Amino acid sequence: MQLTVSDRIGAMVKQGEITGADAERFAAFVRRCNEELMTHPVITDNRYCRWFAKGDVTRENVRHFVVQFSVFSNLFLVAQLLKTINAGSLEGMRASKEILANEIGVIFNKPGSSLGEVQDTDREGDPDIVSIEGSVDGGTFRFQAAHFEWLLRIGDKLGLGFNDMGKRRHGTPATVFFCDQLAAIYGNEDPNIAEGASFAVENWAAAGFWKQLVAGLDAFKKREQKDLPLAFFTWHDRIEEQHASHVMDELEELYFEDGFDEEKFLKGGREMLAGVEAFWVGLNEQRIAAAYQPA
């Protein structure tokens, strides 16, 4: 997975918006991003997700995974609120609010659009509470549209209740470390560090791990839990496909803004990827240890 400079940069040079030297400097920075961020193993070789995708997951594997993911999902709200508060511009604050509001249950609103007929609500989600397009501006809030509530519906099928999921006390040390790093780096007061972390998170999310999780859960559903709802994971997979196409657009805009700091951006990205990796390594170590526990 490599980042490439878009034709937009050449067009900006032709239009006099930036100089040829600016374009070369940006191209060099993209090469650094490829070398220092895009080669990270959590992007290129997530061992837990690679194993999970094979579908050889037990019920206990899935229960543990869902609990840890629910802790991440719930505590992500803290990091996203900090990112909103610490945004470096009104535009950045609004972009952060889009994510935060959607996480807590505001449905994306796209006037004139129709979701059409949904054949499998367990996989695609209830059309009344799911949308991957539009803005939360003018959207409708529904409790059931909150992402944590989607996970609760999965947990219910696995024998997990509200007080079994989503709290800090339910997280392993690796999961809690990841959540704390999100708050400290992704939600950092310095916009350069926060944007570097955000860039890293977007590229991690776009690297295909959602598809790997869906594959594993789909196999488990067919084998053991026919009524397991997968919409939380399939929705995120679809929306991250959209985000992936915008990652470089956002970087190209950010890079030429006043005050952009390459070193801080890359520092935020590297540290955030280390936090992400800790989460998946923790899950992988737990599943290996569990496999060797006496029956």
Protein backbone atom coordinates (compact mmCIF):
# COMPACT_ATOMS: atom_id res chain seq x y z
CA MET A 1 0.00 0.00 0.00
CA GLN A 2 1.84 3.07 -1.29
CA LEU A 3 0.84 6.71 -1.40
CA THR A 4 1.23 8.55 -4.69
CA VAL A 5 1.15 12.25 -5.53
CA SER A 6 -2.00 13.09 -7.47
CA ASP A 7 -2.25 15.06 -10.71
CA ARG A 8 -3.74 17.86 -8.63
CA ILE A 9 -0.24 18.91 -7.50
CA GLY A 10 0.91 19.41 -11.08
CA ALA A 11 -2.26 21.39 -11.78
CA MET A 12 -1.56 23.61 -8.76
CA VAL A 13 1.91 24.36 -10.16
CA LYS A 14 0.48 25.25 -13.59
CA GLN A 15 -2.09 27.54 -12.00
CA GLY A 16 0.56 29.30 -9.93
CA GLU A 17 -0.88 28.20 -6.60
CA ILE A 18 2.42 26.57 -5.61
CA THR A 19 5.92 26.56 -7.09
CA GLY A 20 7.74 23.66 -8.68
CA ALA A 21 10.00 23.60 -5.63
CA ASP A 22 6.93 23.30 -3.39
CA ALA A 23 5.74 20.33 -5.46
CA GLU A 24 9.14 18.63 -5.17
CA ARG A 25 9.18 19.23 -1.43
CA PHE A 26 5.74 17.66 -1.13
CA ALA A 27 6.76 14.66 -3.24
CA ALA A 28 9.76 14.13 -0.95
CA PHE A 29 7.44 14.28 2.06
CA VAL A 30 5.13 11.66 0.52
CA ARG A 31 8.16 9.40 0.07
CA ARG A 32 8.91 9.83 3.78
CA CYS A 33 5.32 8.93 4.64
CA ASN A 34 5.66 5.77 2.55
CA GLU A 35 8.95 4.86 4.23
CA GLU A 36 8.10 5.78 7.82
CA LEU A 37 4.37 5.11 8.07
CA MET A 38 3.05 2.94 5.27
CA THR A 39 5.60 0.16 5.91
CA HIS A 40 4.45 -0.28 9.51
CA PRO A 41 3.52 -3.93 10.20
CA VAL A 42 0.08 -3.01 11.56
CA ILE A 43 -0.69 -1.76 8.03
CA THR A 44 1.25 -4.32 5.99
CA ASP A 45 0.95 -7.50 8.08
CA ASN A 46 -1.59 -7.54 10.90
CA ARG A 47 -1.08 -11.09 12.17
CA TYR A 48 -4.21 -11.21 14.29
CA CYS A 49 -6.46 -10.06 11.46
CA ARG A 50 -4.75 -12.41 9.01
CA TRP A 51 -5.48 -15.31 11.38
CA PHE A 52 -9.02 -14.07 12.10
CA ALA A 53 -9.88 -13.91 8.39
CA LYS A 54 -9.34 -17.65 8.03
CA GLY A 55 -12.53 -18.20 10.04
CA ASP A 56 -11.10 -20.69 12.54
CA VAL A 57 -12.37 -18.61 15.45
CA THR A 58 -14.02 -20.15 18.47
CA ARG A 59 -16.95 -18.64 20.32
CA GLU A 60 -14.59 -17.55 23.08
CA ASN A 61 -12.27 -15.93 20.52
CA VAL A 62 -15.19 -13.93 19.15
CA ARG A 63 -16.50 -12.97 22.61
CA HIS A 64 -13.08 -11.70 23.72
CA PHE A 65 -12.60 -9.82 20.47
CA VAL A 66 -16.03 -8.16 20.66
CA VAL A 67 -15.47 -7.07 24.28
CA GLN A 68 -12.07 -5.53 23.49
CA PHE A 69 -13.37 -3.85 20.35
CA SER A 70 -16.30 -2.44 22.34
CA VAL A 71 -13.84 -0.87 24.80
CA PHE A 72 -11.95 0.72 21.90
CA SER A 73 -15.19 1.88 20.27
CA ASN A 74 -16.55 3.44 23.45
CA LEU A 75 -13.33 5.10 24.62
CA PHE A 76 -12.71 6.39 21.09
CA LEU A 77 -15.41 8.95 21.92
CA VAL A 78 -13.00 10.54 24.42
CA ALA A 79 -10.25 10.83 21.80
CA GLN A 80 -12.65 12.18 19.18
CA LEU A 81 -14.00 14.82 21.58
CA LEU A 82 -10.43 15.92 22.37
CA LYS A 83 -9.67 16.08 18.65
CA THR A 84 -12.73 18.30 18.20
CA ILE A 85 -11.78 20.60 21.08
CA ASN A 86 -8.15 20.85 19.97
CA ALA A 87 -8.82 21.35 16.25
CA GLY A 88 -6.63 23.94 14.55
CA SER A 89 -9.43 25.44 12.47
CA LEU A 90 -13.21 25.70 12.29
CA GLU A 91 -13.13 23.39 9.27
CA GLY A 92 -11.09 20.85 11.24
CA MET A 93 -13.45 21.11 14.19
CA ARG A 94 -16.45 20.47 11.96
CA ALA A 95 -14.78 17.46 10.36
CA SER A 96 -14.12 16.05 13.83
CA LYS A 97 -17.69 16.73 14.89
CA GLU A 98 -18.93 14.76 11.87
CA ILE A 99 -17.21 11.66 13.21
CA LEU A 100 -18.14 12.27 16.85
CA ALA A 101 -21.81 12.94 16.15
CA ASN A 102 -22.12 9.91 13.89
CA GLU A 103 -20.45 7.72 16.52
CA ILE A 104 -23.04 8.68 19.13
CA GLY A 105 -26.04 8.22 16.84
CA VAL A 106 -26.54 11.05 14.32
CA ILE A 107 -27.31 9.50 10.94
CA PHE A 108 -25.64 10.97 7.87
CA ASN A 109 -28.10 13.07 5.92
CA LYS A 110 -27.92 13.28 2.12
CA PRO A 111 -30.94 15.14 0.74
CA GLY A 112 -32.61 13.40 -2.19
CA SER A 113 -30.79 10.10 -1.66
CA SER A 114 -32.44 6.75 -1.15
CA LEU A 115 -30.85 3.74 0.48
CA GLY A 116 -33.05 1.44 -1.55
CA GLU A 117 -34.25 -1.95 -0.45
CA VAL A 118 -31.99 -3.75 2.01
CA GLN A 119 -32.01 -7.51 1.58
CA ASP A 120 -30.07 -8.47 4.73
CA THR A 121 -30.34 -6.07 7.67
CA ASP A 122 -28.01 -8.22 9.80
CA ARG A 123 -25.28 -7.57 7.24
CA GLU A 124 -26.15 -4.19 5.78
CA GLY A 125 -27.91 -2.57 8.74
CA ASP A 126 -31.36 -1.19 9.32
CA PRO A 127 -31.96 1.38 6.53
CA ASP A 128 -33.67 3.64 9.06
CA ILE A 129 -30.46 4.05 11.07
CA VAL A 130 -27.67 3.46 8.56
CA SER A 131 -26.15 5.66 5.90
CA ILE A 132 -22.59 5.98 4.59
CA GLU A 133 -23.09 9.23 2.68
CA GLY A 134 -23.85 12.85 3.51
CA SER A 135 -23.31 14.93 6.62
CA VAL A 136 -24.54 14.90 10.21
CA ASP A 137 -25.63 18.50 9.53
CA GLY A 138 -29.38 18.07 9.25
CA GLY A 139 -29.13 14.41 10.19
CA THR A 140 -31.43 12.64 12.64
CA PHE A 141 -30.27 11.40 16.04
CA ARG A 142 -31.38 7.93 17.07
CA PHE A 143 -30.16 6.01 20.09
CA GLN A 144 -30.04 2.78 18.09
CA ALA A 145 -27.75 4.39 15.51
CA ALA A 146 -24.94 4.79 18.07
CA HIS A 147 -22.03 2.57 17.11
CA PHE A 148 -21.70 1.15 20.61
CA GLU A 149 -25.33 0.03 20.47
CA TRP A 150 -24.57 -1.85 17.25
CA LEU A 151 -21.86 -3.70 19.17
CA LEU A 152 -24.27 -4.37 22.03
CA ARG A 153 -26.56 -6.15 19.59
CA ILE A 154 -23.65 -8.37 18.55
CA GLY A 155 -22.75 -8.98 22.19
CA ASP A 156 -26.31 -9.98 23.01
CA LYS A 157 -26.08 -12.90 20.57
CA LEU A 158 -22.88 -14.00 22.33
CA GLY A 159 -24.34 -13.87 25.84
CA LEU A 160 -22.83 -10.47 26.70
CA GLY A 161 -24.82 -7.74 28.42
CA PHE A 162 -24.46 -3.97 28.68
CA ASN A 163 -22.25 -4.20 31.77
CA ASP A 164 -19.97 -6.77 30.13
CA MET A 165 -18.83 -4.41 27.39
CA GLY A 166 -17.35 -1.03 26.62
CA LYS A 167 -16.00 0.03 30.00
CA ARG A 168 -12.35 0.73 30.71
CA ARG A 169 -12.38 -2.07 33.30
CA HIS A 170 -13.21 -4.57 30.56
CA GLY A 171 -10.08 -3.75 28.58
CA THR A 172 -6.83 -5.67 28.70
CA PRO A 173 -3.68 -3.62 29.39
CA ALA A 174 -2.98 -3.57 25.63
CA THR A 175 -6.47 -2.30 24.81
CA VAL A 176 -6.37 0.38 27.50
CA PHE A 177 -2.91 1.48 26.32
CA PHE A 178 -4.25 1.86 22.78
CA CYS A 179 -7.21 3.94 23.98
CA ASP A 180 -4.96 6.15 26.09
CA GLN A 181 -2.63 6.67 23.12
CA LEU A 182 -5.61 7.68 20.98
CA ALA A 183 -6.55 10.34 23.51
CA ALA A 184 -2.97 11.56 23.91
CA ILE A 185 -1.88 11.56 20.25
CA TYR A 186 -4.96 11.56 18.02
CA GLY A 187 -6.54 14.10 20.39
CA ASN A 188 -3.30 16.05 20.93
CA GLU A 189 -3.35 19.82 21.52
CA ASP A 190 -0.81 20.27 18.72
CA PRO A 191 -2.74 20.01 15.42
CA ASN A 192 0.34 18.75 13.57
CA ILE A 193 0.72 15.76 15.89
CA ALA A 194 -3.03 15.13 15.88
CA GLU A 195 -3.22 15.30 12.08
CA GLY A 196 -0.30 12.90 11.76
CA ALA A 197 -2.11 10.49 14.06
CA SER A 198 -5.33 10.93 12.12
CA PHE A 199 -3.52 10.26 8.83
CA ALA A 200 -2.02 7.09 10.30
CA VAL A 201 -5.40 5.91 11.61
CA GLU A 202 -7.06 6.50 8.24
CA ASN A 203 -4.40 4.50 6.41
CA TRP A 204 -4.59 1.69 8.96
CA ALA A 205 -8.38 1.61 8.58
CA ALA A 206 -8.12 1.59 4.79
CA ALA A 207 -5.55 -1.22 4.68
CA GLY A 208 -8.19 -3.96 4.65
CA PHE A 209 -8.51 -5.12 8.25
CA TRP A 210 -12.28 -4.53 8.22
CA LYS A 211 -12.61 -7.02 5.35
CA GLN A 212 -10.53 -9.53 7.30
CA LEU A 213 -12.77 -9.16 10.35
CA VAL A 214 -15.92 -9.51 8.23
CA ALA A 215 -14.54 -12.68 6.62
CA GLY A 216 -13.83 -14.27 9.99
CA LEU A 217 -17.13 -13.25 11.54
CA ASP A 218 -19.04 -14.38 8.45
CA ALA A 219 -17.49 -17.84 8.73
CA PHE A 220 -18.33 -17.99 12.44
CA LYS A 221 -21.89 -16.82 11.76
CA LYS A 222 -22.50 -19.52 9.15
CA ARG A 223 -20.99 -22.19 11.38
CA GLU A 224 -22.28 -21.32 14.84
CA GLN A 225 -24.41 -18.17 15.15
CA LYS A 226 -26.82 -17.73 12.26
CA ASP A 227 -28.40 -14.60 13.76
CA LEU A 228 -25.14 -12.71 14.44
CA PRO A 229 -25.57 -9.16 13.08
CA LEU A 230 -22.56 -7.99 11.09
CA ALA A 231 -23.70 -4.47 10.14
CA PHE A 232 -21.22 -2.74 12.48
CA PHE A 233 -18.31 -4.29 10.61
CA THR A 234 -19.71 -4.22 7.07
CA TRP A 235 -20.73 -0.54 7.49
CA HIS A 236 -17.24 0.42 8.62
CA ASP A 237 -15.73 -1.50 5.74
CA ARG A 238 -17.87 0.39 3.24
CA ILE A 239 -17.24 3.82 4.73
CA GLU A 240 -13.48 3.27 5.00
CA GLU A 241 -13.41 2.47 1.28
CA GLN A 242 -14.79 5.98 0.75
CA HIS A 243 -12.32 7.55 3.17
CA ALA A 244 -9.36 5.85 1.49
CA SER A 245 -9.95 7.78 -1.72
CA HIS A 246 -9.81 11.09 0.16
CA VAL A 247 -6.68 10.50 2.27
CA MET A 248 -4.25 12.04 -0.22
CA ASP A 249 -6.63 14.91 -1.02
CA GLU A 250 -6.64 15.81 2.66
CA LEU A 251 -2.86 15.53 2.95
CA GLU A 252 -2.33 17.73 -0.11
CA GLU A 253 -4.53 20.43 1.40
CA LEU A 254 -2.99 20.15 4.86
CA TYR A 255 0.61 20.22 3.68
CA PHE A 256 0.37 23.67 2.12
CA GLU A 257 -1.39 25.30 5.07
CA ASP A 258 0.53 27.77 7.21
CA GLY A 259 2.18 26.18 10.20
CA PHE A 260 2.42 22.65 8.84
CA ASP A 261 5.31 20.80 10.50
CA GLU A 262 6.58 17.67 8.75
CA GLU A 263 8.47 16.30 11.75
CA LYS A 264 5.59 16.64 14.19
CA PHE A 265 3.18 15.12 11.67
CA LEU A 266 5.37 12.07 11.18
CA LYS A 267 6.00 11.79 14.92
CA GLY A 268 2.25 11.71 15.55
CA GLY A 269 1.81 9.09 12.84
CA ARG A 270 4.57 6.81 14.09
CA GLU A 271 3.45 6.96 17.72
CA MET A 272 -0.18 6.36 16.78
CA LEU A 273 0.66 3.30 14.71
CA ALA A 274 2.62 1.93 17.68
CA GLY A 275 -0.52 2.34 19.78
CA VAL A 276 -2.68 0.63 17.16
CA GLU A 277 -0.19 -2.22 16.93
CA ALA A 278 -0.30 -2.74 20.70
CA PHE A 279 -4.05 -3.39 20.50
CA TRP A 280 -3.74 -6.10 17.83
CA VAL A 281 -0.63 -7.67 19.38
CA GLY A 282 -2.54 -7.91 22.66
CA LEU A 283 -5.41 -9.71 20.93
CA ASN A 284 -3.01 -12.04 19.12
CA GLU A 285 -1.10 -12.94 22.28
CA GLN A 286 -4.36 -13.61 24.14
CA ARG A 287 -5.72 -15.96 21.47
CA ILE A 288 -2.41 -17.90 21.32
CA ALA A 289 -2.29 -18.22 25.12
CA ALA A 290 -5.94 -19.32 25.22
CA ALA A 291 -5.22 -22.06 22.68
CA TYR A 292 -2.72 -23.62 25.08
CA GLN A 293 -4.91 -23.47 28.17
CA PRO A 294 -5.90 -26.92 29.52
CA ALA A 295 -9.50 -27.85 28.78
